[in-house]
Amino acid sequence: MWLIKPKGTMNILNESQWFGVVRHLLSAIGGFAVYKGVVSEDEASSVIGAALSLLAVIWSVTSKDKNV
């Protein structure tokens, strides 16, 4: 996938590490939104779960495409 390793460059993080970074960033953003009262804890949890599921599907499809 082009976000992971552009052609001719070193791979700093593998796919599972990138997914972990994204998961923690989304959790931090969700925690901040809950702190500010923008969303409830349940809403933040649902949105983060949905976003990670969608990201996992997109990542799975694009990682199998050798042209990306």
PDB file of N, CA and C in Angstrom:
ATOM      1  N   MET A   1       0.848  -1.182   0.000  1.00  0.00           N
ATOM      2  CA  MET A   1       0.000   0.000   0.000  1.00  0.00           C
ATOM      3  C   MET A   1       0.884   1.232   0.000  1.00  0.00           C
ATOM      4  N   TRP A   2       0.526   2.263  -0.741  1.00  0.00           N
ATOM      5  CA  TRP A   2       1.384   3.426  -0.928  1.00  0.00           C
ATOM      6  C   TRP A   2       1.641   4.195   0.361  1.00  0.00           C
ATOM      7  N   LEU A   3       0.756   4.149   1.348  1.00  0.00           N
ATOM      8  CA  LEU A   3       1.013   4.840   2.613  1.00  0.00           C
ATOM      9  C   LEU A   3       2.081   4.125   3.426  1.00  0.00           C
ATOM     10  N   ILE A   4       2.218   2.861   3.193  1.00  0.00           N
ATOM     11  CA  ILE A   4       3.162   2.060   3.961  1.00  0.00           C
ATOM     12  C   ILE A   4       4.572   2.158   3.395  1.00  0.00           C
ATOM     13  N   LYS A   5       4.720   1.894   2.108  1.00  0.00           N
ATOM     14  CA  LYS A   5       6.053   1.831   1.532  1.00  0.00           C
ATOM     15  C   LYS A   5       6.044   2.313   0.087  1.00  0.00           C
ATOM     16  N   PRO A   6       6.308   3.601  -0.114  1.00  0.00           N
ATOM     17  CA  PRO A   6       6.441   4.057  -1.497  1.00  0.00           C
ATOM     18  C   PRO A   6       7.607   3.344  -2.165  1.00  0.00           C
ATOM     19  N   LYS A   7       7.523   3.179  -3.471  1.00  0.00           N
ATOM     20  CA  LYS A   7       8.572   2.472  -4.197  1.00  0.00           C
ATOM     21  C   LYS A   7       9.923   3.166  -3.991  1.00  0.00           C
ATOM     22  N   GLY A   8      10.928   2.353  -3.718  1.00  0.00           N
ATOM     23  CA  GLY A   8      12.271   2.880  -3.566  1.00  0.00           C
ATOM     24  C   GLY A   8      12.574   3.461  -2.200  1.00  0.00           C
ATOM     25  N   THR A   9      11.703   3.251  -1.220  1.00  0.00           N
ATOM     26  CA  THR A   9      11.960   3.774   0.117  1.00  0.00           C
ATOM     27  C   THR A   9      11.971   2.643   1.132  1.00  0.00           C
ATOM     28  N   MET A  10      12.522   2.938   2.303  1.00  0.00           N
ATOM     29  CA  MET A  10      12.531   1.960   3.382  1.00  0.00           C
ATOM     30  C   MET A  10      11.180   1.922   4.058  1.00  0.00           C
ATOM     31  N   ASN A  11      10.805   0.767   4.549  1.00  0.00           N
ATOM     32  CA  ASN A  11       9.554   0.614   5.286  1.00  0.00           C
ATOM     33  C   ASN A  11       9.845   0.803   6.763  1.00  0.00           C
ATOM     34  N   ILE A  12       9.356   1.889   7.346  1.00  0.00           N
ATOM     35  CA  ILE A  12       9.615   2.192   8.752  1.00  0.00           C
ATOM     36  C   ILE A  12       8.695   1.370   9.654  1.00  0.00           C
ATOM     37  N   LEU A  13       7.407   1.315   9.323  1.00  0.00           N
ATOM     38  CA  LEU A  13       6.428   0.556  10.104  1.00  0.00           C
ATOM     39  C   LEU A  13       5.735  -0.460   9.197  1.00  0.00           C
ATOM     40  N   ASN A  14       5.402  -1.617   9.759  1.00  0.00           N
ATOM     41  CA  ASN A  14       4.638  -2.582   8.974  1.00  0.00           C
ATOM     42  C   ASN A  14       3.146  -2.251   9.083  1.00  0.00           C
ATOM     43  N   GLU A  15       2.322  -3.012   8.373  1.00  0.00           N
ATOM     44  CA  GLU A  15       0.891  -2.693   8.310  1.00  0.00           C
ATOM     45  C   GLU A  15       0.216  -2.753   9.670  1.00  0.00           C
ATOM     46  N   SER A  16       0.526  -3.747  10.478  1.00  0.00           N
ATOM     47  CA  SER A  16      -0.133  -3.849  11.781  1.00  0.00           C
ATOM     48  C   SER A  16       0.296  -2.712  12.706  1.00  0.00           C
ATOM     49  N   GLN A  17       1.528  -2.250  12.566  1.00  0.00           N
ATOM     50  CA  GLN A  17       1.970  -1.110  13.366  1.00  0.00           C
ATOM     51  C   GLN A  17       1.241   0.166  12.941  1.00  0.00           C
ATOM     52  N   TRP A  18       1.069   0.362  11.629  1.00  0.00           N
ATOM     53  CA  TRP A  18       0.311   1.527  11.145  1.00  0.00           C
ATOM     54  C   TRP A  18      -1.134   1.476  11.647  1.00  0.00           C
ATOM     55  N   PHE A  19      -1.718   0.288  11.606  1.00  0.00           N
ATOM     56  CA  PHE A  19      -3.097   0.150  12.070  1.00  0.00           C
ATOM     57  C   PHE A  19      -3.189   0.484  13.560  1.00  0.00           C
ATOM     58  N   GLY A  20      -2.197   0.085  14.330  1.00  0.00           N
ATOM     59  CA  GLY A  20      -2.157   0.418  15.752  1.00  0.00           C
ATOM     60  C   GLY A  20      -2.044   1.912  15.989  1.00  0.00           C
ATOM     61  N   VAL A  21      -1.217   2.580  15.191  1.00  0.00           N
ATOM     62  CA  VAL A  21      -1.065   4.035  15.314  1.00  0.00           C
ATOM     63  C   VAL A  21      -2.394   4.727  15.009  1.00  0.00           C
ATOM     64  N   VAL A  22      -3.051   4.300  13.930  1.00  0.00           N
ATOM     65  CA  VAL A  22      -4.341   4.897  13.559  1.00  0.00           C
ATOM     66  C   VAL A  22      -5.375   4.650  14.657  1.00  0.00           C
ATOM     67  N   ARG A  23      -5.394   3.437  15.212  1.00  0.00           N
ATOM     68  CA  ARG A  23      -6.338   3.107  16.281  1.00  0.00           C
ATOM     69  C   ARG A  23      -6.126   4.015  17.495  1.00  0.00           C
ATOM     70  N   HIS A  24      -4.883   4.234  17.865  1.00  0.00           N
ATOM     71  CA  HIS A  24      -4.602   5.088  19.023  1.00  0.00           C
ATOM     72  C   HIS A  24      -4.930   6.557  18.740  1.00  0.00           C
ATOM     73  N   LEU A  25      -4.677   7.005  17.524  1.00  0.00           N
ATOM     74  CA  LEU A  25      -5.042   8.382  17.171  1.00  0.00           C
ATOM     75  C   LEU A  25      -6.554   8.580  17.218  1.00  0.00           C
ATOM     76  N   LEU A  26      -7.297   7.629  16.666  1.00  0.00           N
ATOM     77  CA  LEU A  26      -8.757   7.733  16.717  1.00  0.00           C
ATOM     78  C   LEU A  26      -9.271   7.690  18.158  1.00  0.00           C
ATOM     79  N   SER A  27      -8.648   6.873  18.988  1.00  0.00           N
ATOM     80  CA  SER A  27      -9.045   6.809  20.402  1.00  0.00           C
ATOM     81  C   SER A  27      -8.771   8.124  21.106  1.00  0.00           C
ATOM     82  N   ALA A  28      -7.635   8.738  20.802  1.00  0.00           N
ATOM     83  CA  ALA A  28      -7.302  10.027  21.412  1.00  0.00           C
ATOM     84  C   ALA A  28      -8.274  11.114  20.959  1.00  0.00           C
ATOM     85  N   ILE A  29      -8.599  11.122  19.681  1.00  0.00           N
ATOM     86  CA  ILE A  29      -9.559  12.109  19.160  1.00  0.00           C
ATOM     87  C   ILE A  29     -10.931  11.882  19.787  1.00  0.00           C
ATOM     88  N   GLY A  30     -11.337  10.612  19.888  1.00  0.00           N
ATOM     89  CA  GLY A  30     -12.618  10.292  20.516  1.00  0.00           C
ATOM     90  C   GLY A  30     -12.635  10.693  21.984  1.00  0.00           C
ATOM     91  N   GLY A  31     -11.543  10.448  22.701  1.00  0.00           N
ATOM     92  CA  GLY A  31     -11.455  10.852  24.108  1.00  0.00           C
ATOM     93  C   GLY A  31     -11.547  12.351  24.281  1.00  0.00           C
ATOM     94  N   PHE A  32     -10.916  13.089  23.384  1.00  0.00           N
ATOM     95  CA  PHE A  32     -10.990  14.550  23.435  1.00  0.00           C
ATOM     96  C   PHE A  32     -12.417  15.029  23.166  1.00  0.00           C
ATOM     97  N   ALA A  33     -13.083  14.399  22.183  1.00  0.00           N
ATOM     98  CA  ALA A  33     -14.468  14.777  21.869  1.00  0.00           C
ATOM     99  C   ALA A  33     -15.389  14.497  23.054  1.00  0.00           C
ATOM    100  N   VAL A  34     -15.162  13.389  23.759  1.00  0.00           N
ATOM    101  CA  VAL A  34     -15.963  13.075  24.946  1.00  0.00           C
ATOM    102  C   VAL A  34     -15.673  14.100  26.040  1.00  0.00           C
ATOM    103  N   TYR A  35     -14.413  14.431  26.240  1.00  0.00           N
ATOM    104  CA  TYR A  35     -14.008  15.414  27.249  1.00  0.00           C
ATOM    105  C   TYR A  35     -14.677  16.767  27.008  1.00  0.00           C
ATOM    106  N   LYS A  36     -14.732  17.177  25.745  1.00  0.00           N
ATOM    107  CA  LYS A  36     -15.345  18.458  25.391  1.00  0.00           C
ATOM    108  C   LYS A  36     -16.870  18.398  25.386  1.00  0.00           C
ATOM    109  N   GLY A  37     -17.442  17.216  25.510  1.00  0.00           N
ATOM    110  CA  GLY A  37     -18.890  17.075  25.524  1.00  0.00           C
ATOM    111  C   GLY A  37     -19.539  17.065  24.159  1.00  0.00           C
ATOM    112  N   VAL A  38     -18.743  16.882  23.122  1.00  0.00           N
ATOM    113  CA  VAL A  38     -19.270  16.871  21.758  1.00  0.00           C
ATOM    114  C   VAL A  38     -20.074  15.605  21.509  1.00  0.00           C
ATOM    115  N   VAL A  39     -19.576  14.477  22.024  1.00  0.00           N
ATOM    116  CA  VAL A  39     -20.256  13.191  21.881  1.00  0.00           C
ATOM    117  C   VAL A  39     -20.205  12.451  23.213  1.00  0.00           C
ATOM    118  N   SER A  40     -21.087  11.465  23.349  1.00  0.00           N
ATOM    119  CA  SER A  40     -21.046  10.632  24.550  1.00  0.00           C
ATOM    120  C   SER A  40     -19.976   9.552  24.360  1.00  0.00           C
ATOM    121  N   GLU A  41     -19.621   8.887  25.430  1.00  0.00           N
ATOM    122  CA  GLU A  41     -18.613   7.827  25.353  1.00  0.00           C
ATOM    123  C   GLU A  41     -19.076   6.694  24.440  1.00  0.00           C
ATOM    124  N   ASP A  42     -20.367   6.351  24.512  1.00  0.00           N
ATOM    125  CA  ASP A  42     -20.903   5.287  23.651  1.00  0.00           C
ATOM    126  C   ASP A  42     -20.860   5.675  22.176  1.00  0.00           C
ATOM    127  N   GLU A  43     -21.195   6.935  21.879  1.00  0.00           N
ATOM    128  CA  GLU A  43     -21.150   7.392  20.490  1.00  0.00           C
ATOM    129  C   GLU A  43     -19.723   7.376  19.951  1.00  0.00           C
ATOM    130  N   ALA A  44     -18.788   7.841  20.753  1.00  0.00           N
ATOM    131  CA  ALA A  44     -17.388   7.854  20.319  1.00  0.00           C
ATOM    132  C   ALA A  44     -16.906   6.434  20.058  1.00  0.00           C
ATOM    133  N   SER A  45     -17.264   5.527  20.939  1.00  0.00           N
ATOM    134  CA  SER A  45     -16.853   4.134  20.789  1.00  0.00           C
ATOM    135  C   SER A  45     -17.439   3.529  19.511  1.00  0.00           C
ATOM    136  N   SER A  46     -18.680   3.828  19.230  1.00  0.00           N
ATOM    137  CA  SER A  46     -19.329   3.307  18.017  1.00  0.00           C
ATOM    138  C   SER A  46     -18.699   3.876  16.748  1.00  0.00           C
ATOM    139  N   VAL A  47     -18.446   5.174  16.746  1.00  0.00           N
ATOM    140  CA  VAL A  47     -17.863   5.815  15.564  1.00  0.00           C
ATOM    141  C   VAL A  47     -16.447   5.303  15.321  1.00  0.00           C
ATOM    142  N   ILE A  48     -15.652   5.180  16.381  1.00  0.00           N
ATOM    143  CA  ILE A  48     -14.287   4.683  16.238  1.00  0.00           C
ATOM    144  C   ILE A  48     -14.303   3.236  15.738  1.00  0.00           C
ATOM    145  N   GLY A  49     -15.175   2.416  16.291  1.00  0.00           N
ATOM    146  CA  GLY A  49     -15.287   1.031  15.840  1.00  0.00           C
ATOM    147  C   GLY A  49     -15.669   0.935  14.381  1.00  0.00           C
ATOM    148  N   ALA A  50     -16.625   1.753  13.964  1.00  0.00           N
ATOM    149  CA  ALA A  50     -17.056   1.748  12.562  1.00  0.00           C
ATOM    150  C   ALA A  50     -15.923   2.224  11.645  1.00  0.00           C
ATOM    151  N   ALA A  51     -15.217   3.263  12.053  1.00  0.00           N
ATOM    152  CA  ALA A  51     -14.119   3.789  11.240  1.00  0.00           C
ATOM    153  C   ALA A  51     -13.000   2.759  11.103  1.00  0.00           C
ATOM    154  N   LEU A  52     -12.676   2.076  12.184  1.00  0.00           N
ATOM    155  CA  LEU A  52     -11.622   1.059  12.122  1.00  0.00           C
ATOM    156  C   LEU A  52     -12.041  -0.132  11.271  1.00  0.00           C
ATOM    157  N   SER A  53     -13.300  -0.504  11.342  1.00  0.00           N
ATOM    158  CA  SER A  53     -13.796  -1.603  10.502  1.00  0.00           C
ATOM    159  C   SER A  53     -13.718  -1.236   9.032  1.00  0.00           C
ATOM    160  N   LEU A  54     -14.137  -0.039   8.699  1.00  0.00           N
ATOM    161  CA  LEU A  54     -14.075   0.422   7.320  1.00  0.00           C
ATOM    162  C   LEU A  54     -12.631   0.509   6.843  1.00  0.00           C
ATOM    163  N   LEU A  55     -11.767   1.031   7.683  1.00  0.00           N
ATOM    164  CA  LEU A  55     -10.350   1.127   7.340  1.00  0.00           C
ATOM    165  C   LEU A  55      -9.752  -0.258   7.113  1.00  0.00           C
ATOM    166  N   ALA A  56     -10.113  -1.220   7.931  1.00  0.00           N
ATOM    167  CA  ALA A  56      -9.591  -2.581   7.784  1.00  0.00           C
ATOM    168  C   ALA A  56     -10.027  -3.202   6.456  1.00  0.00           C
ATOM    169  N   VAL A  57     -11.268  -2.968   6.059  1.00  0.00           N
ATOM    170  CA  VAL A  57     -11.759  -3.504   4.788  1.00  0.00           C
ATOM    171  C   VAL A  57     -11.018  -2.854   3.620  1.00  0.00           C
ATOM    172  N   ILE A  58     -10.897  -1.540   3.654  1.00  0.00           N
ATOM    173  CA  ILE A  58     -10.196  -0.822   2.580  1.00  0.00           C
ATOM    174  C   ILE A  58      -8.743  -1.272   2.514  1.00  0.00           C
ATOM    175  N   TRP A  59      -8.109  -1.375   3.664  1.00  0.00           N
ATOM    176  CA  TRP A  59      -6.715  -1.791   3.729  1.00  0.00           C
ATOM    177  C   TRP A  59      -6.545  -3.208   3.169  1.00  0.00           C
ATOM    178  N   SER A  60      -7.455  -4.080   3.516  1.00  0.00           N
ATOM    179  CA  SER A  60      -7.380  -5.461   3.034  1.00  0.00           C
ATOM    180  C   SER A  60      -7.474  -5.531   1.524  1.00  0.00           C
ATOM    181  N   VAL A  61      -8.402  -4.777   0.958  1.00  0.00           N
ATOM    182  CA  VAL A  61      -8.600  -4.792  -0.484  1.00  0.00           C
ATOM    183  C   VAL A  61      -7.394  -4.184  -1.197  1.00  0.00           C
ATOM    184  N   THR A  62      -6.918  -3.028  -0.724  1.00  0.00           N
ATOM    185  CA  THR A  62      -5.827  -2.355  -1.412  1.00  0.00           C
ATOM    186  C   THR A  62      -4.489  -3.064  -1.235  1.00  0.00           C
ATOM    187  N   SER A  63      -4.304  -3.755  -0.115  1.00  0.00           N
ATOM    188  CA  SER A  63      -3.016  -4.434   0.091  1.00  0.00           C
ATOM    189  C   SER A  63      -2.866  -5.638  -0.826  1.00  0.00           C
ATOM    190  N   LYS A  64      -3.965  -6.167  -1.324  1.00  0.00           N
ATOM    191  CA  LYS A  64      -3.925  -7.300  -2.235  1.00  0.00           C
ATOM    192  C   LYS A  64      -3.735  -6.873  -3.685  1.00  0.00           C
ATOM    193  N   ASP A  65      -3.901  -5.589  -3.949  1.00  0.00           N
ATOM    194  CA  ASP A  65      -3.720  -5.054  -5.286  1.00  0.00           C
ATOM    195  C   ASP A  65      -2.254  -4.663  -5.473  1.00  0.00           C
ATOM    196  N   LYS A  66      -1.568  -5.364  -6.315  1.00  0.00           N
ATOM    197  CA  LYS A  66      -0.126  -5.131  -6.512  1.00  0.00           C
ATOM    198  C   LYS A  66       0.158  -3.822  -7.236  1.00  0.00           C
ATOM    199  N   ASN A  67      -0.853  -3.213  -7.874  1.00  0.00           N
ATOM    200  CA  ASN A  67      -0.642  -1.970  -8.622  1.00  0.00           C
ATOM    201  C   ASN A  67      -0.715  -0.731  -7.746  1.00  0.00           C
ATOM    202  N   VAL A  68      -1.152  -0.867  -6.499  1.00  0.00           N
ATOM    203  CA  VAL A  68      -1.323   0.304  -5.629  1.00  0.00           C
ATOM    204  C   VAL A  68      -0.036   0.576  -4.907  1.00  0.00           C
TER     205      VAL A  68
END
